[in-house]
Amino acid sequence: MEDVLEVYARHYDPNFPVVCMDESSVQLIGEVQAPIPAAPGHPELKDDEYVRNGVASIFLEVEPLGGKRQVKITERRTRIDWAQFVREMLEERYPGAEKVVLVMDNLNTHNAASLYTAFPPEEARRLADRLEIHYTPKHGSWLNIAEIELSVLKRQCLAGRIPCIQQMRSEVKAWNVDRNNRQTKVDWQFKTVDARIKLKRLYPKL
C-alpha cells in the first residue's frame, strides 16, 4: 500500500509519467421492442424486457497529474489484449517517456509474461524495459485511481442499454475525447502518513 501511495506523492515528470490502468467487462444489452420516444408529459419509455448480446471488455488508463485518459473496448480480456494496450500506450501516447510508471492490480495477465506471449522476445524486452510497475495490494484495488475513473465512465456513459460493441466504442470515444478536452485531473489526498493512522489495524503488530 505504501509503495503505491509514495508513487502518487511524486511530482509530475513527463519523462516518468504516472499512469494507472484498470480493466472491466460490460454486458451488451439490446431492446426487444423499440423504446417509445419522449414526448410532452412523459419521458422516453423502455420495455423491461431486454436481450443479452454478449460482453465487451474495457481497458482504461488514466494519468492523474496529466489529466489524460485512454479507453479501449475489446471483445476479450486476454494476455494479448492487455499486451497490445500496453504497447499502444508506450509507443503512441508516451513515445518520449523514458519509463511509464504503471499502477495496476496484480491480475495474472498484468505482467511481462503477457508481453512475451504477444510479441517476439526482442520487442517484449524493449517494452518491458520502459515500464516501472507498481501493483496495488490484495483487497486494495481502491488505491488504483483508474478504478475511480472507470466508475465515472460507467456512470456517465455506460449506464443505459448498449446493444453492440460498435455503438459502445463510438459512445466511449466521444466521452473519452470530451473528458480529455476538459483536462480532468485527479487530486489524490490520501498519503502514507494518513494510512499509518487511519489503517493502523492493517499493519503488523510487533
N, C-alpha and C. Protein backbone atom coordinates (compact mmCIF):
# COMPACT_ATOMS: atom_id res chain seq x y z
N MET A 1 0.82 -1.20 0.00
CA MET A 1 0.00 0.00 0.00
C MET A 1 0.86 1.25 0.00
N GLU A 2 1.84 1.29 0.89
CA GLU A 2 2.68 2.49 0.98
C GLU A 2 3.47 2.71 -0.31
N ASP A 3 3.81 1.63 -0.98
CA ASP A 3 4.53 1.76 -2.25
C ASP A 3 3.71 2.56 -3.25
N VAL A 4 2.42 2.25 -3.39
CA VAL A 4 1.55 2.96 -4.32
C VAL A 4 1.35 4.40 -3.86
N LEU A 5 1.16 4.61 -2.56
CA LEU A 5 0.97 5.97 -2.05
C LEU A 5 2.18 6.84 -2.29
N GLU A 6 3.37 6.28 -2.19
CA GLU A 6 4.58 7.05 -2.46
C GLU A 6 4.69 7.40 -3.95
N VAL A 7 4.21 6.52 -4.81
CA VAL A 7 4.18 6.83 -6.24
C VAL A 7 3.27 8.02 -6.50
N TYR A 8 2.10 8.05 -5.85
CA TYR A 8 1.15 9.14 -6.03
C TYR A 8 1.70 10.46 -5.48
N ALA A 9 2.66 10.39 -4.56
CA ALA A 9 3.23 11.60 -3.96
C ALA A 9 4.32 12.23 -4.83
N ARG A 10 4.71 11.56 -5.89
CA ARG A 10 5.77 12.09 -6.75
C ARG A 10 5.29 13.35 -7.50
N HIS A 11 6.25 14.22 -7.79
CA HIS A 11 5.95 15.40 -8.61
C HIS A 11 5.83 14.98 -10.08
N TYR A 12 5.11 15.77 -10.83
CA TYR A 12 4.91 15.45 -12.25
C TYR A 12 6.24 15.47 -12.99
N ASP A 13 6.50 14.45 -13.76
CA ASP A 13 7.72 14.35 -14.57
C ASP A 13 7.33 13.71 -15.90
N PRO A 14 7.35 14.48 -17.00
CA PRO A 14 6.95 13.92 -18.30
C PRO A 14 7.84 12.77 -18.76
N ASN A 15 9.05 12.67 -18.22
CA ASN A 15 9.92 11.55 -18.58
C ASN A 15 9.54 10.27 -17.83
N PHE A 16 8.83 10.45 -16.71
CA PHE A 16 8.39 9.30 -15.91
C PHE A 16 6.93 9.52 -15.50
N PRO A 17 6.02 9.57 -16.46
CA PRO A 17 4.62 9.83 -16.12
C PRO A 17 4.02 8.68 -15.32
N VAL A 18 3.22 9.02 -14.32
CA VAL A 18 2.50 8.02 -13.54
C VAL A 18 1.17 7.75 -14.23
N VAL A 19 0.94 6.50 -14.60
CA VAL A 19 -0.27 6.10 -15.31
C VAL A 19 -0.91 4.94 -14.54
N CYS A 20 -2.21 5.05 -14.30
CA CYS A 20 -2.95 3.97 -13.63
C CYS A 20 -3.80 3.24 -14.66
N MET A 21 -3.89 1.94 -14.53
CA MET A 21 -4.61 1.12 -15.50
C MET A 21 -5.58 0.18 -14.80
N ASP A 22 -6.73 -0.02 -15.42
CA ASP A 22 -7.70 -0.98 -14.90
C ASP A 22 -8.48 -1.55 -16.08
N GLU A 23 -9.18 -2.64 -15.84
CA GLU A 23 -10.00 -3.24 -16.88
C GLU A 23 -11.26 -3.82 -16.27
N SER A 24 -12.28 -3.97 -17.10
CA SER A 24 -13.56 -4.46 -16.62
C SER A 24 -14.35 -5.03 -17.79
N SER A 25 -15.49 -5.61 -17.48
CA SER A 25 -16.39 -6.14 -18.51
C SER A 25 -17.76 -5.50 -18.37
N VAL A 26 -18.42 -5.29 -19.50
CA VAL A 26 -19.75 -4.70 -19.52
C VAL A 26 -20.62 -5.51 -20.47
N GLN A 27 -21.83 -5.82 -20.04
CA GLN A 27 -22.74 -6.57 -20.90
C GLN A 27 -23.32 -5.68 -22.00
N LEU A 28 -23.46 -6.26 -23.17
CA LEU A 28 -24.14 -5.58 -24.28
C LEU A 28 -25.61 -5.96 -24.20
N ILE A 29 -26.46 -4.96 -24.06
CA ILE A 29 -27.89 -5.19 -23.84
C ILE A 29 -28.70 -4.56 -24.97
N GLY A 30 -29.52 -5.36 -25.63
CA GLY A 30 -30.36 -4.86 -26.70
C GLY A 30 -31.82 -4.80 -26.29
N GLU A 31 -32.59 -4.05 -27.05
CA GLU A 31 -34.02 -3.91 -26.79
C GLU A 31 -34.80 -5.01 -27.53
N VAL A 32 -35.83 -5.53 -26.87
CA VAL A 32 -36.74 -6.47 -27.53
C VAL A 32 -37.75 -5.68 -28.37
N GLN A 33 -38.20 -4.55 -27.82
CA GLN A 33 -39.09 -3.66 -28.54
C GLN A 33 -38.49 -2.26 -28.54
N ALA A 34 -38.69 -1.54 -29.63
CA ALA A 34 -38.13 -0.19 -29.74
C ALA A 34 -38.74 0.71 -28.67
N PRO A 35 -37.92 1.53 -27.99
CA PRO A 35 -38.44 2.47 -26.98
C PRO A 35 -39.42 3.47 -27.60
N ILE A 36 -40.34 3.94 -26.80
CA ILE A 36 -41.26 4.99 -27.22
C ILE A 36 -40.60 6.33 -26.95
N PRO A 37 -40.40 7.15 -27.97
CA PRO A 37 -39.67 8.42 -27.78
C PRO A 37 -40.35 9.31 -26.74
N ALA A 38 -39.54 10.18 -26.12
CA ALA A 38 -40.06 11.14 -25.16
C ALA A 38 -41.02 12.10 -25.86
N ALA A 39 -42.00 12.55 -25.13
CA ALA A 39 -43.00 13.49 -25.65
C ALA A 39 -43.45 14.38 -24.50
N PRO A 40 -44.09 15.49 -24.80
CA PRO A 40 -44.57 16.35 -23.71
C PRO A 40 -45.43 15.57 -22.73
N GLY A 41 -45.03 15.60 -21.48
CA GLY A 41 -45.80 14.90 -20.45
C GLY A 41 -45.23 13.58 -20.01
N HIS A 42 -44.29 13.00 -20.79
CA HIS A 42 -43.68 11.75 -20.35
C HIS A 42 -42.29 11.60 -20.96
N PRO A 43 -41.38 10.94 -20.22
CA PRO A 43 -40.02 10.70 -20.73
C PRO A 43 -40.01 9.54 -21.72
N GLU A 44 -38.84 9.23 -22.23
CA GLU A 44 -38.71 8.05 -23.09
C GLU A 44 -39.12 6.81 -22.32
N LEU A 45 -39.88 5.95 -22.96
CA LEU A 45 -40.37 4.74 -22.30
C LEU A 45 -39.69 3.51 -22.90
N LYS A 46 -39.12 2.68 -22.00
CA LYS A 46 -38.45 1.47 -22.44
C LYS A 46 -39.12 0.25 -21.82
N ASP A 47 -39.21 -0.81 -22.60
CA ASP A 47 -39.77 -2.06 -22.11
C ASP A 47 -38.80 -2.70 -21.12
N ASP A 48 -39.33 -3.34 -20.08
CA ASP A 48 -38.47 -4.01 -19.11
C ASP A 48 -37.74 -5.20 -19.71
N GLU A 49 -38.28 -5.78 -20.74
CA GLU A 49 -37.66 -6.95 -21.36
C GLU A 49 -36.48 -6.52 -22.23
N TYR A 50 -35.43 -7.31 -22.18
CA TYR A 50 -34.23 -7.00 -22.96
C TYR A 50 -33.58 -8.29 -23.42
N VAL A 51 -32.58 -8.16 -24.29
CA VAL A 51 -31.85 -9.32 -24.79
C VAL A 51 -30.36 -9.11 -24.55
N ARG A 52 -29.68 -10.16 -24.12
CA ARG A 52 -28.24 -10.09 -23.88
C ARG A 52 -27.49 -10.37 -25.19
N ASN A 53 -26.57 -9.50 -25.54
CA ASN A 53 -25.82 -9.63 -26.79
C ASN A 53 -24.34 -9.91 -26.55
N GLY A 54 -24.02 -10.51 -25.42
CA GLY A 54 -22.63 -10.82 -25.14
C GLY A 54 -22.00 -9.80 -24.20
N VAL A 55 -20.67 -9.83 -24.15
CA VAL A 55 -19.92 -9.00 -23.21
C VAL A 55 -18.80 -8.28 -23.96
N ALA A 56 -18.58 -7.02 -23.61
CA ALA A 56 -17.44 -6.26 -24.14
C ALA A 56 -16.47 -6.00 -22.99
N SER A 57 -15.20 -5.89 -23.31
CA SER A 57 -14.17 -5.64 -22.29
C SER A 57 -13.66 -4.22 -22.42
N ILE A 58 -13.35 -3.62 -21.28
CA ILE A 58 -12.87 -2.24 -21.23
C ILE A 58 -11.46 -2.23 -20.68
N PHE A 59 -10.54 -1.61 -21.40
CA PHE A 59 -9.21 -1.31 -20.89
C PHE A 59 -9.12 0.21 -20.73
N LEU A 60 -8.73 0.66 -19.55
CA LEU A 60 -8.68 2.10 -19.29
C LEU A 60 -7.37 2.47 -18.62
N GLU A 61 -6.77 3.54 -19.10
CA GLU A 61 -5.60 4.11 -18.44
C GLU A 61 -5.89 5.58 -18.15
N VAL A 62 -5.34 6.09 -17.06
CA VAL A 62 -5.50 7.49 -16.72
C VAL A 62 -4.20 8.02 -16.12
N GLU A 63 -3.81 9.20 -16.56
CA GLU A 63 -2.64 9.88 -16.00
C GLU A 63 -3.17 10.96 -15.04
N PRO A 64 -3.15 10.70 -13.73
CA PRO A 64 -3.80 11.60 -12.78
C PRO A 64 -3.32 13.04 -12.85
N LEU A 65 -2.01 13.25 -12.97
CA LEU A 65 -1.47 14.61 -12.96
C LEU A 65 -1.49 15.25 -14.34
N GLY A 66 -1.67 14.46 -15.38
CA GLY A 66 -1.69 15.00 -16.74
C GLY A 66 -3.09 15.27 -17.25
N GLY A 67 -4.09 14.76 -16.54
CA GLY A 67 -5.47 14.97 -16.97
C GLY A 67 -5.80 14.28 -18.27
N LYS A 68 -5.16 13.13 -18.52
CA LYS A 68 -5.39 12.38 -19.75
C LYS A 68 -5.83 10.98 -19.41
N ARG A 69 -6.69 10.43 -20.26
CA ARG A 69 -7.08 9.05 -20.12
C ARG A 69 -7.32 8.46 -21.51
N GLN A 70 -7.24 7.14 -21.59
CA GLN A 70 -7.48 6.43 -22.84
C GLN A 70 -8.30 5.19 -22.54
N VAL A 71 -9.34 4.98 -23.32
CA VAL A 71 -10.20 3.81 -23.13
C VAL A 71 -10.23 3.01 -24.43
N LYS A 72 -10.14 1.70 -24.30
CA LYS A 72 -10.22 0.82 -25.45
C LYS A 72 -11.25 -0.27 -25.16
N ILE A 73 -12.14 -0.50 -26.11
CA ILE A 73 -13.16 -1.54 -25.98
C ILE A 73 -12.76 -2.72 -26.86
N THR A 74 -12.67 -3.90 -26.26
CA THR A 74 -12.28 -5.10 -27.00
C THR A 74 -13.32 -6.20 -26.79
N GLU A 75 -13.18 -7.26 -27.53
CA GLU A 75 -14.09 -8.39 -27.41
C GLU A 75 -13.65 -9.38 -26.34
N ARG A 76 -12.37 -9.28 -25.91
CA ARG A 76 -11.84 -10.24 -24.93
C ARG A 76 -10.94 -9.50 -23.93
N ARG A 77 -10.53 -10.25 -22.88
CA ARG A 77 -9.60 -9.73 -21.89
C ARG A 77 -8.46 -10.73 -21.72
N THR A 78 -7.73 -10.99 -22.79
CA THR A 78 -6.65 -11.98 -22.75
C THR A 78 -5.31 -11.30 -22.50
N ARG A 79 -4.28 -12.10 -22.32
CA ARG A 79 -2.92 -11.57 -22.19
C ARG A 79 -2.55 -10.71 -23.40
N ILE A 80 -2.94 -11.20 -24.57
CA ILE A 80 -2.57 -10.48 -25.80
C ILE A 80 -3.28 -9.14 -25.89
N ASP A 81 -4.54 -9.08 -25.47
CA ASP A 81 -5.27 -7.81 -25.47
C ASP A 81 -4.61 -6.81 -24.54
N TRP A 82 -4.21 -7.27 -23.35
CA TRP A 82 -3.52 -6.39 -22.40
C TRP A 82 -2.18 -5.92 -22.97
N ALA A 83 -1.43 -6.85 -23.53
CA ALA A 83 -0.11 -6.50 -24.09
C ALA A 83 -0.23 -5.49 -25.22
N GLN A 84 -1.21 -5.64 -26.07
CA GLN A 84 -1.39 -4.69 -27.16
C GLN A 84 -1.78 -3.31 -26.64
N PHE A 85 -2.59 -3.26 -25.59
CA PHE A 85 -2.96 -1.98 -25.00
C PHE A 85 -1.73 -1.30 -24.41
N VAL A 86 -0.86 -2.07 -23.77
CA VAL A 86 0.37 -1.52 -23.19
C VAL A 86 1.30 -1.01 -24.28
N ARG A 87 1.44 -1.75 -25.37
CA ARG A 87 2.30 -1.29 -26.47
C ARG A 87 1.77 0.01 -27.05
N GLU A 88 0.46 0.11 -27.24
CA GLU A 88 -0.12 1.35 -27.76
C GLU A 88 0.14 2.51 -26.81
N MET A 89 0.04 2.23 -25.52
CA MET A 89 0.31 3.27 -24.52
C MET A 89 1.75 3.77 -24.63
N LEU A 90 2.70 2.85 -24.70
CA LEU A 90 4.11 3.23 -24.73
C LEU A 90 4.51 3.90 -26.04
N GLU A 91 4.04 3.36 -27.16
CA GLU A 91 4.52 3.83 -28.46
C GLU A 91 3.69 4.98 -29.03
N GLU A 92 2.41 5.05 -28.71
CA GLU A 92 1.55 6.07 -29.29
C GLU A 92 1.28 7.24 -28.35
N ARG A 93 1.08 6.94 -27.07
CA ARG A 93 0.69 8.00 -26.14
C ARG A 93 1.85 8.52 -25.30
N TYR A 94 2.89 7.70 -25.10
CA TYR A 94 4.05 8.15 -24.33
C TYR A 94 5.35 7.77 -25.04
N PRO A 95 5.49 8.13 -26.31
CA PRO A 95 6.70 7.72 -27.05
C PRO A 95 7.97 8.38 -26.53
N GLY A 96 7.85 9.57 -25.92
CA GLY A 96 9.03 10.28 -25.45
C GLY A 96 9.40 10.00 -24.01
N ALA A 97 8.58 9.26 -23.30
CA ALA A 97 8.85 8.97 -21.89
C ALA A 97 9.97 7.95 -21.76
N GLU A 98 10.85 8.18 -20.79
CA GLU A 98 11.92 7.21 -20.55
C GLU A 98 11.33 5.92 -19.97
N LYS A 99 10.44 6.07 -18.98
CA LYS A 99 9.71 4.96 -18.41
C LYS A 99 8.31 5.44 -18.06
N VAL A 100 7.33 4.57 -18.20
CA VAL A 100 5.99 4.84 -17.71
C VAL A 100 5.84 4.13 -16.37
N VAL A 101 5.50 4.91 -15.34
CA VAL A 101 5.31 4.35 -14.01
C VAL A 101 3.87 3.85 -13.94
N LEU A 102 3.69 2.55 -14.02
CA LEU A 102 2.37 1.94 -14.21
C LEU A 102 1.83 1.35 -12.91
N VAL A 103 0.67 1.85 -12.48
CA VAL A 103 0.00 1.34 -11.28
C VAL A 103 -1.21 0.52 -11.73
N MET A 104 -1.32 -0.71 -11.23
CA MET A 104 -2.44 -1.59 -11.60
C MET A 104 -2.56 -2.70 -10.59
N ASP A 105 -3.65 -3.47 -10.68
CA ASP A 105 -3.79 -4.62 -9.78
C ASP A 105 -2.97 -5.79 -10.32
N ASN A 106 -2.82 -6.80 -9.48
CA ASN A 106 -1.95 -7.93 -9.85
C ASN A 106 -2.71 -9.08 -10.49
N LEU A 107 -3.59 -8.77 -11.43
CA LEU A 107 -4.25 -9.80 -12.22
C LEU A 107 -3.20 -10.63 -12.94
N ASN A 108 -3.48 -11.90 -13.16
CA ASN A 108 -2.45 -12.79 -13.70
C ASN A 108 -2.00 -12.43 -15.11
N THR A 109 -2.74 -11.56 -15.82
CA THR A 109 -2.31 -11.13 -17.16
C THR A 109 -1.47 -9.86 -17.11
N HIS A 110 -1.39 -9.22 -15.95
CA HIS A 110 -0.71 -7.93 -15.83
C HIS A 110 0.78 -8.10 -15.50
N ASN A 111 1.54 -8.62 -16.44
CA ASN A 111 2.96 -8.82 -16.18
C ASN A 111 3.72 -8.94 -17.50
N ALA A 112 5.04 -8.96 -17.38
CA ALA A 112 5.89 -9.02 -18.58
C ALA A 112 5.67 -10.30 -19.37
N ALA A 113 5.23 -11.36 -18.72
CA ALA A 113 5.00 -12.62 -19.44
C ALA A 113 3.97 -12.42 -20.55
N SER A 114 3.00 -11.53 -20.34
CA SER A 114 2.00 -11.27 -21.37
C SER A 114 2.62 -10.61 -22.59
N LEU A 115 3.62 -9.75 -22.35
CA LEU A 115 4.31 -9.12 -23.48
C LEU A 115 5.04 -10.17 -24.31
N TYR A 116 5.65 -11.14 -23.63
CA TYR A 116 6.36 -12.21 -24.35
C TYR A 116 5.39 -13.15 -25.06
N THR A 117 4.18 -13.26 -24.55
CA THR A 117 3.16 -14.07 -25.23
C THR A 117 2.71 -13.41 -26.52
N ALA A 118 2.66 -12.09 -26.50
CA ALA A 118 2.10 -11.36 -27.65
C ALA A 118 3.13 -10.98 -28.71
N PHE A 119 4.39 -10.77 -28.29
CA PHE A 119 5.38 -10.22 -29.22
C PHE A 119 6.67 -11.04 -29.21
N PRO A 120 7.50 -10.86 -30.25
CA PRO A 120 8.81 -11.52 -30.24
C PRO A 120 9.62 -11.09 -29.03
N PRO A 121 10.56 -11.92 -28.57
CA PRO A 121 11.31 -11.62 -27.34
C PRO A 121 11.98 -10.25 -27.34
N GLU A 122 12.57 -9.86 -28.48
CA GLU A 122 13.27 -8.58 -28.52
C GLU A 122 12.32 -7.41 -28.27
N GLU A 123 11.16 -7.46 -28.90
CA GLU A 123 10.17 -6.39 -28.72
C GLU A 123 9.60 -6.42 -27.31
N ALA A 124 9.30 -7.61 -26.81
CA ALA A 124 8.75 -7.73 -25.46
C ALA A 124 9.71 -7.15 -24.43
N ARG A 125 11.01 -7.44 -24.58
CA ARG A 125 12.02 -6.93 -23.64
C ARG A 125 12.11 -5.41 -23.75
N ARG A 126 12.06 -4.88 -24.95
CA ARG A 126 12.12 -3.42 -25.15
C ARG A 126 10.95 -2.73 -24.47
N LEU A 127 9.77 -3.30 -24.59
CA LEU A 127 8.59 -2.72 -23.96
C LEU A 127 8.67 -2.84 -22.44
N ALA A 128 9.07 -4.01 -21.96
CA ALA A 128 9.16 -4.23 -20.52
C ALA A 128 10.15 -3.28 -19.86
N ASP A 129 11.24 -2.98 -20.56
CA ASP A 129 12.26 -2.08 -20.02
C ASP A 129 11.76 -0.65 -19.86
N ARG A 130 10.66 -0.32 -20.52
CA ARG A 130 10.11 1.04 -20.42
C ARG A 130 8.97 1.12 -19.40
N LEU A 131 8.79 0.06 -18.63
CA LEU A 131 7.75 0.05 -17.60
C LEU A 131 8.36 -0.03 -16.21
N GLU A 132 7.83 0.77 -15.30
CA GLU A 132 8.13 0.65 -13.87
C GLU A 132 6.79 0.30 -13.21
N ILE A 133 6.60 -0.96 -12.90
CA ILE A 133 5.29 -1.45 -12.47
C ILE A 133 5.16 -1.43 -10.95
N HIS A 134 4.01 -0.93 -10.48
CA HIS A 134 3.68 -0.94 -9.06
C HIS A 134 2.29 -1.55 -8.92
N TYR A 135 2.18 -2.64 -8.17
CA TYR A 135 0.90 -3.33 -8.01
C TYR A 135 0.18 -2.85 -6.75
N THR A 136 -1.14 -2.71 -6.86
CA THR A 136 -1.93 -2.46 -5.66
C THR A 136 -1.99 -3.76 -4.86
N PRO A 137 -2.09 -3.66 -3.53
CA PRO A 137 -2.11 -4.88 -2.71
C PRO A 137 -3.42 -5.64 -2.87
N LYS A 138 -3.41 -6.88 -2.44
CA LYS A 138 -4.63 -7.69 -2.45
C LYS A 138 -5.70 -7.00 -1.61
N HIS A 139 -6.91 -6.96 -2.11
CA HIS A 139 -8.04 -6.26 -1.48
C HIS A 139 -7.81 -4.76 -1.40
N GLY A 140 -6.87 -4.25 -2.19
CA GLY A 140 -6.58 -2.81 -2.15
C GLY A 140 -6.78 -2.15 -3.49
N SER A 141 -7.73 -2.65 -4.28
CA SER A 141 -7.95 -2.08 -5.61
C SER A 141 -8.45 -0.63 -5.54
N TRP A 142 -8.99 -0.22 -4.35
CA TRP A 142 -9.45 1.16 -4.19
C TRP A 142 -8.30 2.15 -4.30
N LEU A 143 -7.06 1.65 -4.18
CA LEU A 143 -5.89 2.51 -4.33
C LEU A 143 -5.60 2.84 -5.79
N ASN A 144 -6.23 2.15 -6.71
CA ASN A 144 -5.98 2.37 -8.13
C ASN A 144 -6.89 3.48 -8.63
N ILE A 145 -6.30 4.61 -9.00
CA ILE A 145 -7.07 5.75 -9.48
C ILE A 145 -7.85 5.39 -10.74
N ALA A 146 -7.35 4.44 -11.52
CA ALA A 146 -8.06 4.03 -12.73
C ALA A 146 -9.40 3.40 -12.39
N GLU A 147 -9.51 2.78 -11.23
CA GLU A 147 -10.79 2.21 -10.82
C GLU A 147 -11.82 3.31 -10.58
N ILE A 148 -11.37 4.44 -10.05
CA ILE A 148 -12.26 5.59 -9.86
C ILE A 148 -12.71 6.11 -11.21
N GLU A 149 -11.77 6.25 -12.13
CA GLU A 149 -12.10 6.75 -13.46
C GLU A 149 -13.04 5.80 -14.19
N LEU A 150 -12.85 4.51 -13.98
CA LEU A 150 -13.70 3.52 -14.62
C LEU A 150 -15.14 3.63 -14.10
N SER A 151 -15.30 3.92 -12.83
CA SER A 151 -16.64 4.09 -12.27
C SER A 151 -17.31 5.33 -12.84
N VAL A 152 -16.53 6.39 -13.10
CA VAL A 152 -17.06 7.60 -13.73
C VAL A 152 -17.53 7.28 -15.15
N LEU A 153 -16.73 6.53 -15.88
CA LEU A 153 -17.10 6.13 -17.23
C LEU A 153 -18.41 5.37 -17.24
N LYS A 154 -18.55 4.42 -16.33
CA LYS A 154 -19.76 3.60 -16.30
C LYS A 154 -20.99 4.43 -15.94
N ARG A 155 -20.84 5.37 -15.03
CA ARG A 155 -21.98 6.20 -14.64
C ARG A 155 -22.38 7.18 -15.74
N GLN A 156 -21.38 7.80 -16.38
CA GLN A 156 -21.66 8.87 -17.33
C GLN A 156 -21.94 8.37 -18.74
N CYS A 157 -21.45 7.19 -19.08
CA CYS A 157 -21.50 6.77 -20.47
C CYS A 157 -22.14 5.40 -20.68
N LEU A 158 -22.07 4.53 -19.70
CA LEU A 158 -22.48 3.14 -19.91
C LEU A 158 -23.66 2.73 -19.05
N ALA A 159 -24.38 3.70 -18.49
CA ALA A 159 -25.49 3.37 -17.61
C ALA A 159 -26.70 2.82 -18.36
N GLY A 160 -26.88 3.24 -19.61
CA GLY A 160 -28.02 2.77 -20.40
C GLY A 160 -27.72 1.49 -21.15
N ARG A 161 -28.70 1.03 -21.90
CA ARG A 161 -28.54 -0.19 -22.69
C ARG A 161 -27.79 0.12 -23.98
N ILE A 162 -26.74 -0.63 -24.22
CA ILE A 162 -25.97 -0.50 -25.45
C ILE A 162 -25.96 -1.86 -26.13
N PRO A 163 -26.49 -1.99 -27.34
CA PRO A 163 -26.73 -3.30 -27.93
C PRO A 163 -25.52 -3.95 -28.60
N CYS A 164 -24.54 -3.16 -29.03
CA CYS A 164 -23.44 -3.75 -29.81
C CYS A 164 -22.13 -3.05 -29.49
N ILE A 165 -21.03 -3.72 -29.77
CA ILE A 165 -19.72 -3.21 -29.42
C ILE A 165 -19.36 -1.98 -30.26
N GLN A 166 -19.87 -1.91 -31.50
CA GLN A 166 -19.58 -0.74 -32.34
C GLN A 166 -20.17 0.52 -31.73
N GLN A 167 -21.40 0.44 -31.25
CA GLN A 167 -22.03 1.60 -30.62
C GLN A 167 -21.31 1.97 -29.32
N MET A 168 -20.92 0.97 -28.57
CA MET A 168 -20.20 1.24 -27.33
C MET A 168 -18.89 1.95 -27.61
N ARG A 169 -18.16 1.49 -28.62
CA ARG A 169 -16.90 2.15 -28.98
C ARG A 169 -17.13 3.61 -29.37
N SER A 170 -18.19 3.87 -30.12
CA SER A 170 -18.50 5.22 -30.55
C SER A 170 -18.82 6.13 -29.37
N GLU A 171 -19.65 5.65 -28.45
CA GLU A 171 -20.06 6.46 -27.31
C GLU A 171 -18.90 6.67 -26.34
N VAL A 172 -18.10 5.64 -26.13
CA VAL A 172 -16.96 5.75 -25.22
C VAL A 172 -15.91 6.69 -25.80
N LYS A 173 -15.71 6.63 -27.11
CA LYS A 173 -14.74 7.54 -27.74
C LYS A 173 -15.14 8.99 -27.54
N ALA A 174 -16.43 9.29 -27.71
CA ALA A 174 -16.91 10.66 -27.51
C ALA A 174 -16.71 11.10 -26.07
N TRP A 175 -17.00 10.21 -25.12
CA TRP A 175 -16.77 10.52 -23.71
C TRP A 175 -15.30 10.77 -23.44
N ASN A 176 -14.45 9.92 -24.00
CA ASN A 176 -13.01 10.00 -23.81
C ASN A 176 -12.46 11.34 -24.31
N VAL A 177 -12.88 11.74 -25.50
CA VAL A 177 -12.41 13.00 -26.09
C VAL A 177 -12.87 14.18 -25.24
N ASP A 178 -14.13 14.16 -24.83
CA ASP A 178 -14.67 15.27 -24.04
C ASP A 178 -13.95 15.39 -22.70
N ARG A 179 -13.72 14.27 -22.03
CA ARG A 179 -13.07 14.32 -20.71
C ARG A 179 -11.61 14.76 -20.84
N ASN A 180 -10.93 14.36 -21.90
CA ASN A 180 -9.56 14.81 -22.12
C ASN A 180 -9.52 16.30 -22.45
N ASN A 181 -10.49 16.77 -23.24
CA ASN A 181 -10.53 18.20 -23.57
C ASN A 181 -10.73 19.04 -22.32
N ARG A 182 -11.43 18.49 -21.33
CA ARG A 182 -11.61 19.20 -20.07
C ARG A 182 -10.37 19.12 -19.18
N GLN A 183 -9.43 18.23 -19.57
CA GLN A 183 -8.20 18.00 -18.80
C GLN A 183 -8.52 17.72 -17.33
N THR A 184 -9.46 16.83 -17.12
CA THR A 184 -9.89 16.49 -15.78
C THR A 184 -8.78 15.72 -15.05
N LYS A 185 -8.22 16.35 -14.02
CA LYS A 185 -7.13 15.74 -13.27
C LYS A 185 -7.67 15.13 -11.98
N VAL A 186 -6.81 14.37 -11.30
CA VAL A 186 -7.18 13.73 -10.05
C VAL A 186 -6.28 14.28 -8.95
N ASP A 187 -6.89 14.83 -7.91
CA ASP A 187 -6.14 15.37 -6.77
C ASP A 187 -6.17 14.35 -5.64
N TRP A 188 -5.20 13.45 -5.64
CA TRP A 188 -5.16 12.37 -4.65
C TRP A 188 -4.64 12.92 -3.32
N GLN A 189 -5.43 12.79 -2.26
CA GLN A 189 -5.10 13.40 -0.98
C GLN A 189 -4.62 12.40 0.08
N PHE A 190 -4.91 11.11 -0.11
CA PHE A 190 -4.58 10.11 0.91
C PHE A 190 -3.09 9.80 0.86
N LYS A 191 -2.37 10.11 1.93
CA LYS A 191 -0.91 9.97 1.97
C LYS A 191 -0.51 8.81 2.90
N THR A 192 0.78 8.49 2.84
CA THR A 192 1.31 7.41 3.68
C THR A 192 1.07 7.68 5.16
N VAL A 193 1.28 8.92 5.58
CA VAL A 193 1.08 9.27 6.99
C VAL A 193 -0.38 9.05 7.40
N ASP A 194 -1.30 9.29 6.48
CA ASP A 194 -2.72 9.04 6.77
C ASP A 194 -2.99 7.54 6.92
N ALA A 195 -2.37 6.76 6.05
CA ALA A 195 -2.56 5.31 6.10
C ALA A 195 -2.08 4.74 7.43
N ARG A 196 -0.96 5.25 7.94
CA ARG A 196 -0.40 4.73 9.19
C ARG A 196 -1.29 5.05 10.39
N ILE A 197 -2.13 6.06 10.25
CA ILE A 197 -3.06 6.42 11.34
C ILE A 197 -4.42 5.75 11.13
N LYS A 198 -5.02 5.97 9.97
CA LYS A 198 -6.39 5.51 9.73
C LYS A 198 -6.47 4.01 9.47
N LEU A 199 -5.40 3.43 8.93
CA LEU A 199 -5.40 2.00 8.62
C LEU A 199 -4.40 1.25 9.49
N LYS A 200 -4.24 1.73 10.71
CA LYS A 200 -3.27 1.14 11.63
C LYS A 200 -3.52 -0.35 11.84
N ARG A 201 -4.79 -0.76 11.78
CA ARG A 201 -5.14 -2.17 12.02
C ARG A 201 -4.56 -3.11 10.98
N LEU A 202 -4.19 -2.56 9.80
CA LEU A 202 -3.65 -3.41 8.73
C LEU A 202 -2.15 -3.66 8.87
N TYR A 203 -1.51 -2.91 9.76
CA TYR A 203 -0.07 -3.07 9.93
C TYR A 203 0.22 -4.18 10.93
N PRO A 204 1.31 -4.91 10.74
CA PRO A 204 1.64 -5.99 11.70
C PRO A 204 1.95 -5.42 13.08
N LYS A 205 1.56 -6.11 14.12
CA LYS A 205 1.83 -5.70 15.50
C LYS A 205 3.07 -6.41 15.98
N LEU A 206 4.08 -5.61 16.32
CA LEU A 206 5.37 -6.17 16.74
C LEU A 206 5.46 -6.18 18.27
